[in-house]
Amino acid sequence: AFAGTLTIVIAPFLGAGEPLLNNYVPM
């Protein structure tokens, strides 16, 4: 859980692509 959370947070700063504003779990 900690590893997953850290990965989610740093993803935008490591080239994460286009944001998708779908419901519940936006991607």
mmCIF file of all heavy atoms, coordinates in Angstrom:
data_MODEL
# 
_entry.id   MODEL 
# 
loop_
_atom_site.group_PDB 
_atom_site.id 
_atom_site.type_symbol 
_atom_site.label_atom_id 
_atom_site.label_alt_id 
_atom_site.label_comp_id 
_atom_site.label_asym_id 
_atom_site.label_entity_id 
_atom_site.label_seq_id 
_atom_site.pdbx_PDB_ins_code 
_atom_site.Cartn_x 
_atom_site.Cartn_y 
_atom_site.Cartn_z 
_atom_site.occupancy 
_atom_site.B_iso_or_equiv 
_atom_site.pdbx_formal_charge 
_atom_site.auth_seq_id 
_atom_site.auth_comp_id 
_atom_site.auth_asym_id 
_atom_site.auth_atom_id 
_atom_site.pdbx_PDB_model_num 
ATOM 1   N N   . ALA A 1 1  ? 0.824   -1.210 0.000   1.00 0.00 ? 1  ALA A N   1 
ATOM 2   C CA  . ALA A 1 1  ? 0.000   0.000  0.000   1.00 0.00 ? 1  ALA A CA  1 
ATOM 3   C C   . ALA A 1 1  ? 0.858   1.259  0.000   1.00 0.00 ? 1  ALA A C   1 
ATOM 4   O O   . ALA A 1 1  ? 0.566   2.229  -0.717  1.00 0.00 ? 1  ALA A O   1 
ATOM 5   C CB  . ALA A 1 1  ? -0.937  -0.003 1.213   1.00 0.00 ? 1  ALA A CB  1 
ATOM 6   N N   . PHE A 1 2  ? 1.926   1.270  0.793   1.00 0.00 ? 2  PHE A N   1 
ATOM 7   C CA  . PHE A 1 2  ? 2.821   2.430  0.812   1.00 0.00 ? 2  PHE A CA  1 
ATOM 8   C C   . PHE A 1 2  ? 3.523   2.603  -0.531  1.00 0.00 ? 2  PHE A C   1 
ATOM 9   O O   . PHE A 1 2  ? 3.637   3.726  -1.045  1.00 0.00 ? 2  PHE A O   1 
ATOM 10  C CB  . PHE A 1 2  ? 3.850   2.286  1.930   1.00 0.00 ? 2  PHE A CB  1 
ATOM 11  C CG  . PHE A 1 2  ? 3.406   2.844  3.251   1.00 0.00 ? 2  PHE A CG  1 
ATOM 12  C CD1 . PHE A 1 2  ? 2.700   2.058  4.146   1.00 0.00 ? 2  PHE A CD1 1 
ATOM 13  C CD2 . PHE A 1 2  ? 3.675   4.156  3.595   1.00 0.00 ? 2  PHE A CD2 1 
ATOM 14  C CE1 . PHE A 1 2  ? 2.279   2.562  5.369   1.00 0.00 ? 2  PHE A CE1 1 
ATOM 15  C CE2 . PHE A 1 2  ? 3.266   4.677  4.813   1.00 0.00 ? 2  PHE A CE2 1 
ATOM 16  C CZ  . PHE A 1 2  ? 2.561   3.877  5.703   1.00 0.00 ? 2  PHE A CZ  1 
ATOM 17  N N   . ALA A 1 3  ? 3.996   1.500  -1.103  1.00 0.00 ? 3  ALA A N   1 
ATOM 18  C CA  . ALA A 1 3  ? 4.683   1.575  -2.390  1.00 0.00 ? 3  ALA A CA  1 
ATOM 19  C C   . ALA A 1 3  ? 3.738   2.074  -3.478  1.00 0.00 ? 3  ALA A C   1 
ATOM 20  O O   . ALA A 1 3  ? 4.117   2.900  -4.324  1.00 0.00 ? 3  ALA A O   1 
ATOM 21  C CB  . ALA A 1 3  ? 5.245   0.200  -2.761  1.00 0.00 ? 3  ALA A CB  1 
ATOM 22  N N   . GLY A 1 4  ? 2.496   1.605  -3.457  1.00 0.00 ? 4  GLY A N   1 
ATOM 23  C CA  . GLY A 1 4  ? 1.520   2.044  -4.441  1.00 0.00 ? 4  GLY A CA  1 
ATOM 24  C C   . GLY A 1 4  ? 1.194   3.516  -4.321  1.00 0.00 ? 4  GLY A C   1 
ATOM 25  O O   . GLY A 1 4  ? 1.100   4.235  -5.329  1.00 0.00 ? 4  GLY A O   1 
ATOM 26  N N   . THR A 1 5  ? 1.032   3.990  -3.085  1.00 0.00 ? 5  THR A N   1 
ATOM 27  C CA  . THR A 1 5  ? 0.721   5.399  -2.870  1.00 0.00 ? 5  THR A CA  1 
ATOM 28  C C   . THR A 1 5  ? 1.852   6.296  -3.351  1.00 0.00 ? 5  THR A C   1 
ATOM 29  O O   . THR A 1 5  ? 1.626   7.311  -4.025  1.00 0.00 ? 5  THR A O   1 
ATOM 30  C CB  . THR A 1 5  ? 0.454   5.657  -1.372  1.00 0.00 ? 5  THR A CB  1 
ATOM 31  O OG1 . THR A 1 5  ? -0.636  4.836  -0.941  1.00 0.00 ? 5  THR A OG1 1 
ATOM 32  C CG2 . THR A 1 5  ? 0.130   7.120  -1.118  1.00 0.00 ? 5  THR A CG2 1 
ATOM 33  N N   . LEU A 1 6  ? 3.074   5.940  -3.012  1.00 0.00 ? 6  LEU A N   1 
ATOM 34  C CA  . LEU A 1 6  ? 4.234   6.730  -3.452  1.00 0.00 ? 6  LEU A CA  1 
ATOM 35  C C   . LEU A 1 6  ? 4.318   6.762  -4.970  1.00 0.00 ? 6  LEU A C   1 
ATOM 36  O O   . LEU A 1 6  ? 4.597   7.815  -5.569  1.00 0.00 ? 6  LEU A O   1 
ATOM 37  C CB  . LEU A 1 6  ? 5.514   6.148  -2.863  1.00 0.00 ? 6  LEU A CB  1 
ATOM 38  C CG  . LEU A 1 6  ? 6.815   6.876  -3.220  1.00 0.00 ? 6  LEU A CG  1 
ATOM 39  C CD1 . LEU A 1 6  ? 6.780   8.320  -2.724  1.00 0.00 ? 6  LEU A CD1 1 
ATOM 40  C CD2 . LEU A 1 6  ? 8.023   6.137  -2.642  1.00 0.00 ? 6  LEU A CD2 1 
ATOM 41  N N   . THR A 1 7  ? 4.050   5.641  -5.609  1.00 0.00 ? 7  THR A N   1 
ATOM 42  C CA  . THR A 1 7  ? 4.100   5.583  -7.071  1.00 0.00 ? 7  THR A CA  1 
ATOM 43  C C   . THR A 1 7  ? 3.047   6.483  -7.704  1.00 0.00 ? 7  THR A C   1 
ATOM 44  O O   . THR A 1 7  ? 3.306   7.173  -8.697  1.00 0.00 ? 7  THR A O   1 
ATOM 45  C CB  . THR A 1 7  ? 3.913   4.129  -7.544  1.00 0.00 ? 7  THR A CB  1 
ATOM 46  O OG1 . THR A 1 7  ? 4.886   3.292  -6.933  1.00 0.00 ? 7  THR A OG1 1 
ATOM 47  C CG2 . THR A 1 7  ? 4.038   4.029  -9.054  1.00 0.00 ? 7  THR A CG2 1 
ATOM 48  N N   . ILE A 1 8  ? 1.848   6.490  -7.128  1.00 0.00 ? 8  ILE A N   1 
ATOM 49  C CA  . ILE A 1 8  ? 0.772   7.343  -7.642  1.00 0.00 ? 8  ILE A CA  1 
ATOM 50  C C   . ILE A 1 8  ? 1.153   8.816  -7.547  1.00 0.00 ? 8  ILE A C   1 
ATOM 51  O O   . ILE A 1 8  ? 0.891   9.610  -8.451  1.00 0.00 ? 8  ILE A O   1 
ATOM 52  C CB  . ILE A 1 8  ? -0.527  7.063  -6.865  1.00 0.00 ? 8  ILE A CB  1 
ATOM 53  C CG1 . ILE A 1 8  ? -1.077  5.680  -7.246  1.00 0.00 ? 8  ILE A CG1 1 
ATOM 54  C CG2 . ILE A 1 8  ? -1.579  8.146  -7.123  1.00 0.00 ? 8  ILE A CG2 1 
ATOM 55  C CD1 . ILE A 1 8  ? -2.203  5.201  -6.362  1.00 0.00 ? 8  ILE A CD1 1 
ATOM 56  N N   . VAL A 1 9  ? 1.780   9.197  -6.447  1.00 0.00 ? 9  VAL A N   1 
ATOM 57  C CA  . VAL A 1 9  ? 2.131   10.602 -6.218  1.00 0.00 ? 9  VAL A CA  1 
ATOM 58  C C   . VAL A 1 9  ? 3.224   11.072 -7.172  1.00 0.00 ? 9  VAL A C   1 
ATOM 59  O O   . VAL A 1 9  ? 3.174   12.192 -7.689  1.00 0.00 ? 9  VAL A O   1 
ATOM 60  C CB  . VAL A 1 9  ? 2.559   10.813 -4.756  1.00 0.00 ? 9  VAL A CB  1 
ATOM 61  C CG1 . VAL A 1 9  ? 3.147   12.210 -4.559  1.00 0.00 ? 9  VAL A CG1 1 
ATOM 62  C CG2 . VAL A 1 9  ? 1.369   10.611 -3.816  1.00 0.00 ? 9  VAL A CG2 1 
ATOM 63  N N   . ILE A 1 10 ? 4.222   10.233 -7.412  1.00 0.00 ? 10 ILE A N   1 
ATOM 64  C CA  . ILE A 1 10 ? 5.356   10.677 -8.230  1.00 0.00 ? 10 ILE A CA  1 
ATOM 65  C C   . ILE A 1 10 ? 5.101   10.498 -9.733  1.00 0.00 ? 10 ILE A C   1 
ATOM 66  O O   . ILE A 1 10 ? 5.834   11.067 -10.541 1.00 0.00 ? 10 ILE A O   1 
ATOM 67  C CB  . ILE A 1 10 ? 6.657   9.948  -7.842  1.00 0.00 ? 10 ILE A CB  1 
ATOM 68  C CG1 . ILE A 1 10 ? 6.559   8.451  -8.147  1.00 0.00 ? 10 ILE A CG1 1 
ATOM 69  C CG2 . ILE A 1 10 ? 6.976   10.180 -6.370  1.00 0.00 ? 10 ILE A CG2 1 
ATOM 70  C CD1 . ILE A 1 10 ? 7.850   7.694  -7.905  1.00 0.00 ? 10 ILE A CD1 1 
ATOM 71  N N   . ALA A 1 11 ? 4.078   9.737  -10.100 1.00 0.00 ? 11 ALA A N   1 
ATOM 72  C CA  . ALA A 1 11 ? 3.816   9.470  -11.516 1.00 0.00 ? 11 ALA A CA  1 
ATOM 73  C C   . ALA A 1 11 ? 3.682   10.745 -12.355 1.00 0.00 ? 11 ALA A C   1 
ATOM 74  O O   . ALA A 1 11 ? 4.241   10.807 -13.463 1.00 0.00 ? 11 ALA A O   1 
ATOM 75  C CB  . ALA A 1 11 ? 2.576   8.597  -11.667 1.00 0.00 ? 11 ALA A CB  1 
ATOM 76  N N   . PRO A 1 12 ? 2.968   11.801 -11.878 1.00 0.00 ? 12 PRO A N   1 
ATOM 77  C CA  . PRO A 1 12 ? 2.855   13.010 -12.701 1.00 0.00 ? 12 PRO A CA  1 
ATOM 78  C C   . PRO A 1 12 ? 4.188   13.686 -12.989 1.00 0.00 ? 12 PRO A C   1 
ATOM 79  O O   . PRO A 1 12 ? 4.328   14.386 -13.990 1.00 0.00 ? 12 PRO A O   1 
ATOM 80  C CB  . PRO A 1 12 ? 1.950   13.922 -11.857 1.00 0.00 ? 12 PRO A CB  1 
ATOM 81  C CG  . PRO A 1 12 ? 1.216   13.005 -10.965 1.00 0.00 ? 12 PRO A CG  1 
ATOM 82  C CD  . PRO A 1 12 ? 2.170   11.895 -10.659 1.00 0.00 ? 12 PRO A CD  1 
ATOM 83  N N   . PHE A 1 13 ? 5.167   13.482 -12.108 1.00 0.00 ? 13 PHE A N   1 
ATOM 84  C CA  . PHE A 1 13 ? 6.461   14.131 -12.274 1.00 0.00 ? 13 PHE A CA  1 
ATOM 85  C C   . PHE A 1 13 ? 7.449   13.288 -13.068 1.00 0.00 ? 13 PHE A C   1 
ATOM 86  O O   . PHE A 1 13 ? 8.577   13.700 -13.299 1.00 0.00 ? 13 PHE A O   1 
ATOM 87  C CB  . PHE A 1 13 ? 7.048   14.450 -10.894 1.00 0.00 ? 13 PHE A CB  1 
ATOM 88  C CG  . PHE A 1 13 ? 6.134   15.263 -10.028 1.00 0.00 ? 13 PHE A CG  1 
ATOM 89  C CD1 . PHE A 1 13 ? 5.381   14.650 -9.029  1.00 0.00 ? 13 PHE A CD1 1 
ATOM 90  C CD2 . PHE A 1 13 ? 5.996   16.626 -10.220 1.00 0.00 ? 13 PHE A CD2 1 
ATOM 91  C CE1 . PHE A 1 13 ? 4.519   15.392 -8.234  1.00 0.00 ? 13 PHE A CE1 1 
ATOM 92  C CE2 . PHE A 1 13 ? 5.134   17.367 -9.434  1.00 0.00 ? 13 PHE A CE2 1 
ATOM 93  C CZ  . PHE A 1 13 ? 4.392   16.757 -8.437  1.00 0.00 ? 13 PHE A CZ  1 
ATOM 94  N N   . LEU A 1 14 ? 6.997   12.094 -13.477 1.00 0.00 ? 14 LEU A N   1 
ATOM 95  C CA  . LEU A 1 14 ? 7.874   11.199 -14.236 1.00 0.00 ? 14 LEU A CA  1 
ATOM 96  C C   . LEU A 1 14 ? 7.285   10.882 -15.601 1.00 0.00 ? 14 LEU A C   1 
ATOM 97  O O   . LEU A 1 14 ? 7.504   9.802  -16.151 1.00 0.00 ? 14 LEU A O   1 
ATOM 98  C CB  . LEU A 1 14 ? 8.111   9.897  -13.444 1.00 0.00 ? 14 LEU A CB  1 
ATOM 99  C CG  . LEU A 1 14 ? 8.843   10.051 -12.109 1.00 0.00 ? 14 LEU A CG  1 
ATOM 100 C CD1 . LEU A 1 14 ? 8.971   8.717  -11.409 1.00 0.00 ? 14 LEU A CD1 1 
ATOM 101 C CD2 . LEU A 1 14 ? 10.222  10.676 -12.324 1.00 0.00 ? 14 LEU A CD2 1 
ATOM 102 N N   . GLY A 1 15 ? 6.489   11.825 -16.115 1.00 0.00 ? 15 GLY A N   1 
ATOM 103 C CA  . GLY A 1 15 ? 6.007   11.687 -17.481 1.00 0.00 ? 15 GLY A CA  1 
ATOM 104 C C   . GLY A 1 15 ? 4.656   11.056 -17.651 1.00 0.00 ? 15 GLY A C   1 
ATOM 105 O O   . GLY A 1 15 ? 4.342   10.562 -18.740 1.00 0.00 ? 15 GLY A O   1 
ATOM 106 N N   . ALA A 1 16 ? 3.829   11.018 -16.580 1.00 0.00 ? 16 ALA A N   1 
ATOM 107 C CA  . ALA A 1 16 ? 2.484   10.454 -16.717 1.00 0.00 ? 16 ALA A CA  1 
ATOM 108 C C   . ALA A 1 16 ? 1.715   11.209 -17.793 1.00 0.00 ? 16 ALA A C   1 
ATOM 109 O O   . ALA A 1 16 ? 1.829   12.425 -17.912 1.00 0.00 ? 16 ALA A O   1 
ATOM 110 C CB  . ALA A 1 16 ? 1.745   10.523 -15.387 1.00 0.00 ? 16 ALA A CB  1 
ATOM 111 N N   . GLY A 1 17 ? 0.908   10.481 -18.543 1.00 0.00 ? 17 GLY A N   1 
ATOM 112 C CA  . GLY A 1 17 ? 0.265   11.047 -19.716 1.00 0.00 ? 17 GLY A CA  1 
ATOM 113 C C   . GLY A 1 17 ? -0.998  11.834 -19.429 1.00 0.00 ? 17 GLY A C   1 
ATOM 114 O O   . GLY A 1 17 ? -1.199  12.363 -18.337 1.00 0.00 ? 17 GLY A O   1 
ATOM 115 N N   . GLU A 1 18 ? -1.870  11.876 -20.437 1.00 0.00 ? 18 GLU A N   1 
ATOM 116 C CA  . GLU A 1 18 ? -3.089  12.665 -20.410 1.00 0.00 ? 18 GLU A CA  1 
ATOM 117 C C   . GLU A 1 18 ? -3.993  12.245 -19.257 1.00 0.00 ? 18 GLU A C   1 
ATOM 118 O O   . GLU A 1 18 ? -4.277  11.066 -19.067 1.00 0.00 ? 18 GLU A O   1 
ATOM 119 C CB  . GLU A 1 18 ? -3.843  12.485 -21.736 1.00 0.00 ? 18 GLU A CB  1 
ATOM 120 C CG  . GLU A 1 18 ? -5.134  13.254 -21.841 1.00 0.00 ? 18 GLU A CG  1 
ATOM 121 C CD  . GLU A 1 18 ? -4.912  14.757 -21.937 1.00 0.00 ? 18 GLU A CD  1 
ATOM 122 O OE1 . GLU A 1 18 ? -3.797  15.170 -22.304 1.00 0.00 ? 18 GLU A OE1 1 
ATOM 123 O OE2 . GLU A 1 18 ? -5.864  15.489 -21.641 1.00 0.00 ? 18 GLU A OE2 1 
ATOM 124 N N   . PRO A 1 19 ? -4.481  13.216 -18.450 1.00 0.00 ? 19 PRO A N   1 
ATOM 125 C CA  . PRO A 1 19 ? -5.398  12.869 -17.357 1.00 0.00 ? 19 PRO A CA  1 
ATOM 126 C C   . PRO A 1 19 ? -6.787  12.531 -17.892 1.00 0.00 ? 19 PRO A C   1 
ATOM 127 O O   . PRO A 1 19 ? -7.282  13.175 -18.822 1.00 0.00 ? 19 PRO A O   1 
ATOM 128 C CB  . PRO A 1 19 ? -5.430  14.147 -16.511 1.00 0.00 ? 19 PRO A CB  1 
ATOM 129 C CG  . PRO A 1 19 ? -5.047  15.241 -17.440 1.00 0.00 ? 19 PRO A CG  1 
ATOM 130 C CD  . PRO A 1 19 ? -4.098  14.639 -18.424 1.00 0.00 ? 19 PRO A CD  1 
ATOM 131 N N   . LEU A 1 20 ? -7.391  11.517 -17.293 1.00 0.00 ? 20 LEU A N   1 
ATOM 132 C CA  . LEU A 1 20 ? -8.735  11.089 -17.663 1.00 0.00 ? 20 LEU A CA  1 
ATOM 133 C C   . LEU A 1 20 ? -9.637  11.251 -16.443 1.00 0.00 ? 20 LEU A C   1 
ATOM 134 O O   . LEU A 1 20 ? -9.394  10.643 -15.402 1.00 0.00 ? 20 LEU A O   1 
ATOM 135 C CB  . LEU A 1 20 ? -8.728  9.623  -18.115 1.00 0.00 ? 20 LEU A CB  1 
ATOM 136 C CG  . LEU A 1 20 ? -7.810  9.287  -19.290 1.00 0.00 ? 20 LEU A CG  1 
ATOM 137 C CD1 . LEU A 1 20 ? -7.833  7.780  -19.563 1.00 0.00 ? 20 LEU A CD1 1 
ATOM 138 C CD2 . LEU A 1 20 ? -8.222  10.067 -20.533 1.00 0.00 ? 20 LEU A CD2 1 
ATOM 139 N N   . LEU A 1 21 ? -10.684 12.070 -16.568 1.00 0.00 ? 21 LEU A N   1 
ATOM 140 C CA  . LEU A 1 21 ? -11.526 12.389 -15.412 1.00 0.00 ? 21 LEU A CA  1 
ATOM 141 C C   . LEU A 1 21 ? -12.741 11.483 -15.350 1.00 0.00 ? 21 LEU A C   1 
ATOM 142 O O   . LEU A 1 21 ? -13.885 11.946 -15.202 1.00 0.00 ? 21 LEU A O   1 
ATOM 143 C CB  . LEU A 1 21 ? -11.940 13.863 -15.475 1.00 0.00 ? 21 LEU A CB  1 
ATOM 144 C CG  . LEU A 1 21 ? -10.777 14.868 -15.480 1.00 0.00 ? 21 LEU A CG  1 
ATOM 145 C CD1 . LEU A 1 21 ? -11.291 16.291 -15.426 1.00 0.00 ? 21 LEU A CD1 1 
ATOM 146 C CD2 . LEU A 1 21 ? -9.814  14.594 -14.334 1.00 0.00 ? 21 LEU A CD2 1 
ATOM 147 N N   . ASN A 1 22 ? -12.518 10.181 -15.452 1.00 0.00 ? 22 ASN A N   1 
ATOM 148 C CA  . ASN A 1 22 ? -13.609 9.235  -15.250 1.00 0.00 ? 22 ASN A CA  1 
ATOM 149 C C   . ASN A 1 22 ? -13.972 9.182  -13.775 1.00 0.00 ? 22 ASN A C   1 
ATOM 150 O O   . ASN A 1 22 ? -13.205 9.613  -12.899 1.00 0.00 ? 22 ASN A O   1 
ATOM 151 C CB  . ASN A 1 22 ? -13.195 7.846  -15.735 1.00 0.00 ? 22 ASN A CB  1 
ATOM 152 C CG  . ASN A 1 22 ? -11.877 7.394  -15.119 1.00 0.00 ? 22 ASN A CG  1 
ATOM 153 O OD1 . ASN A 1 22 ? -10.823 7.869  -15.537 1.00 0.00 ? 22 ASN A OD1 1 
ATOM 154 N ND2 . ASN A 1 22 ? -11.941 6.514  -14.146 1.00 0.00 ? 22 ASN A ND2 1 
ATOM 155 N N   . ASN A 1 23 ? -15.142 8.667  -13.477 1.00 0.00 ? 23 ASN A N   1 
ATOM 156 C CA  . ASN A 1 23 ? -15.635 8.649  -12.106 1.00 0.00 ? 23 ASN A CA  1 
ATOM 157 C C   . ASN A 1 23 ? -14.905 7.616  -11.247 1.00 0.00 ? 23 ASN A C   1 
ATOM 158 O O   . ASN A 1 23 ? -14.364 6.632  -11.731 1.00 0.00 ? 23 ASN A O   1 
ATOM 159 C CB  . ASN A 1 23 ? -17.134 8.347  -12.095 1.00 0.00 ? 23 ASN A CB  1 
ATOM 160 C CG  . ASN A 1 23 ? -17.962 9.539  -12.542 1.00 0.00 ? 23 ASN A CG  1 
ATOM 161 O OD1 . ASN A 1 23 ? -18.045 10.551 -11.854 1.00 0.00 ? 23 ASN A OD1 1 
ATOM 162 N ND2 . ASN A 1 23 ? -18.557 9.443  -13.731 1.00 0.00 ? 23 ASN A ND2 1 
ATOM 163 N N   . TYR A 1 24 ? -14.905 7.883  -9.940  1.00 0.00 ? 24 TYR A N   1 
ATOM 164 C CA  . TYR A 1 24 ? -14.398 7.027  -8.873  1.00 0.00 ? 24 TYR A CA  1 
ATOM 165 C C   . TYR A 1 24 ? -12.877 6.946  -8.821  1.00 0.00 ? 24 TYR A C   1 
ATOM 166 O O   . TYR A 1 24 ? -12.271 7.296  -7.804  1.00 0.00 ? 24 TYR A O   1 
ATOM 167 C CB  . TYR A 1 24 ? -15.022 5.625  -8.948  1.00 0.00 ? 24 TYR A CB  1 
ATOM 168 C CG  . TYR A 1 24 ? -16.452 5.650  -8.486  1.00 0.00 ? 24 TYR A CG  1 
ATOM 169 C CD1 . TYR A 1 24 ? -17.493 5.423  -9.376  1.00 0.00 ? 24 TYR A CD1 1 
ATOM 170 C CD2 . TYR A 1 24 ? -16.769 5.955  -7.170  1.00 0.00 ? 24 TYR A CD2 1 
ATOM 171 C CE1 . TYR A 1 24 ? -18.809 5.489  -8.975  1.00 0.00 ? 24 TYR A CE1 1 
ATOM 172 C CE2 . TYR A 1 24 ? -18.079 6.025  -6.744  1.00 0.00 ? 24 TYR A CE2 1 
ATOM 173 C CZ  . TYR A 1 24 ? -19.104 5.791  -7.650  1.00 0.00 ? 24 TYR A CZ  1 
ATOM 174 O OH  . TYR A 1 24 ? -20.391 5.880  -7.240  1.00 0.00 ? 24 TYR A OH  1 
ATOM 175 N N   . VAL A 1 25 ? -12.225 6.453  -9.852  1.00 0.00 ? 25 VAL A N   1 
ATOM 176 C CA  . VAL A 1 25 ? -10.763 6.365  -9.843  1.00 0.00 ? 25 VAL A CA  1 
ATOM 177 C C   . VAL A 1 25 ? -10.250 7.029  -11.114 1.00 0.00 ? 25 VAL A C   1 
ATOM 178 O O   . VAL A 1 25 ? -9.963  6.350  -12.112 1.00 0.00 ? 25 VAL A O   1 
ATOM 179 C CB  . VAL A 1 25 ? -10.276 4.902  -9.761  1.00 0.00 ? 25 VAL A CB  1 
ATOM 180 C CG1 . VAL A 1 25 ? -8.748  4.858  -9.619  1.00 0.00 ? 25 VAL A CG1 1 
ATOM 181 C CG2 . VAL A 1 25 ? -10.933 4.175  -8.596  1.00 0.00 ? 25 VAL A CG2 1 
ATOM 182 N N   . PRO A 1 26 ? -10.160 8.361  -11.135 1.00 0.00 ? 26 PRO A N   1 
ATOM 183 C CA  . PRO A 1 26 ? -9.631  9.045  -12.326 1.00 0.00 ? 26 PRO A CA  1 
ATOM 184 C C   . PRO A 1 26 ? -8.202  8.604  -12.590 1.00 0.00 ? 26 PRO A C   1 
ATOM 185 O O   . PRO A 1 26 ? -7.471  8.230  -11.670 1.00 0.00 ? 26 PRO A O   1 
ATOM 186 C CB  . PRO A 1 26 ? -9.725  10.525 -11.956 1.00 0.00 ? 26 PRO A CB  1 
ATOM 187 C CG  . PRO A 1 26 ? -9.756  10.555 -10.463 1.00 0.00 ? 26 PRO A CG  1 
ATOM 188 C CD  . PRO A 1 26 ? -10.462 9.305  -10.047 1.00 0.00 ? 26 PRO A CD  1 
ATOM 189 N N   . MET A 1 27 ? -7.810  8.650  -13.850 1.00 0.00 ? 27 MET A N   1 
ATOM 190 C CA  . MET A 1 27 ? -6.558  8.019  -14.254 1.00 0.00 ? 27 MET A CA  1 
ATOM 191 C C   . MET A 1 27 ? -5.606  8.988  -14.935 1.00 0.00 ? 27 MET A C   1 
ATOM 192 O O   . MET A 1 27 ? -6.029  9.984  -15.527 1.00 0.00 ? 27 MET A O   1 
ATOM 193 C CB  . MET A 1 27 ? -6.860  6.870  -15.227 1.00 0.00 ? 27 MET A CB  1 
ATOM 194 C CG  . MET A 1 27 ? -7.791  5.801  -14.680 1.00 0.00 ? 27 MET A CG  1 
ATOM 195 S SD  . MET A 1 27 ? -7.045  4.837  -13.355 1.00 0.00 ? 27 MET A SD  1 
ATOM 196 C CE  . MET A 1 27 ? -5.829  3.904  -14.279 1.00 0.00 ? 27 MET A CE  1 
# 
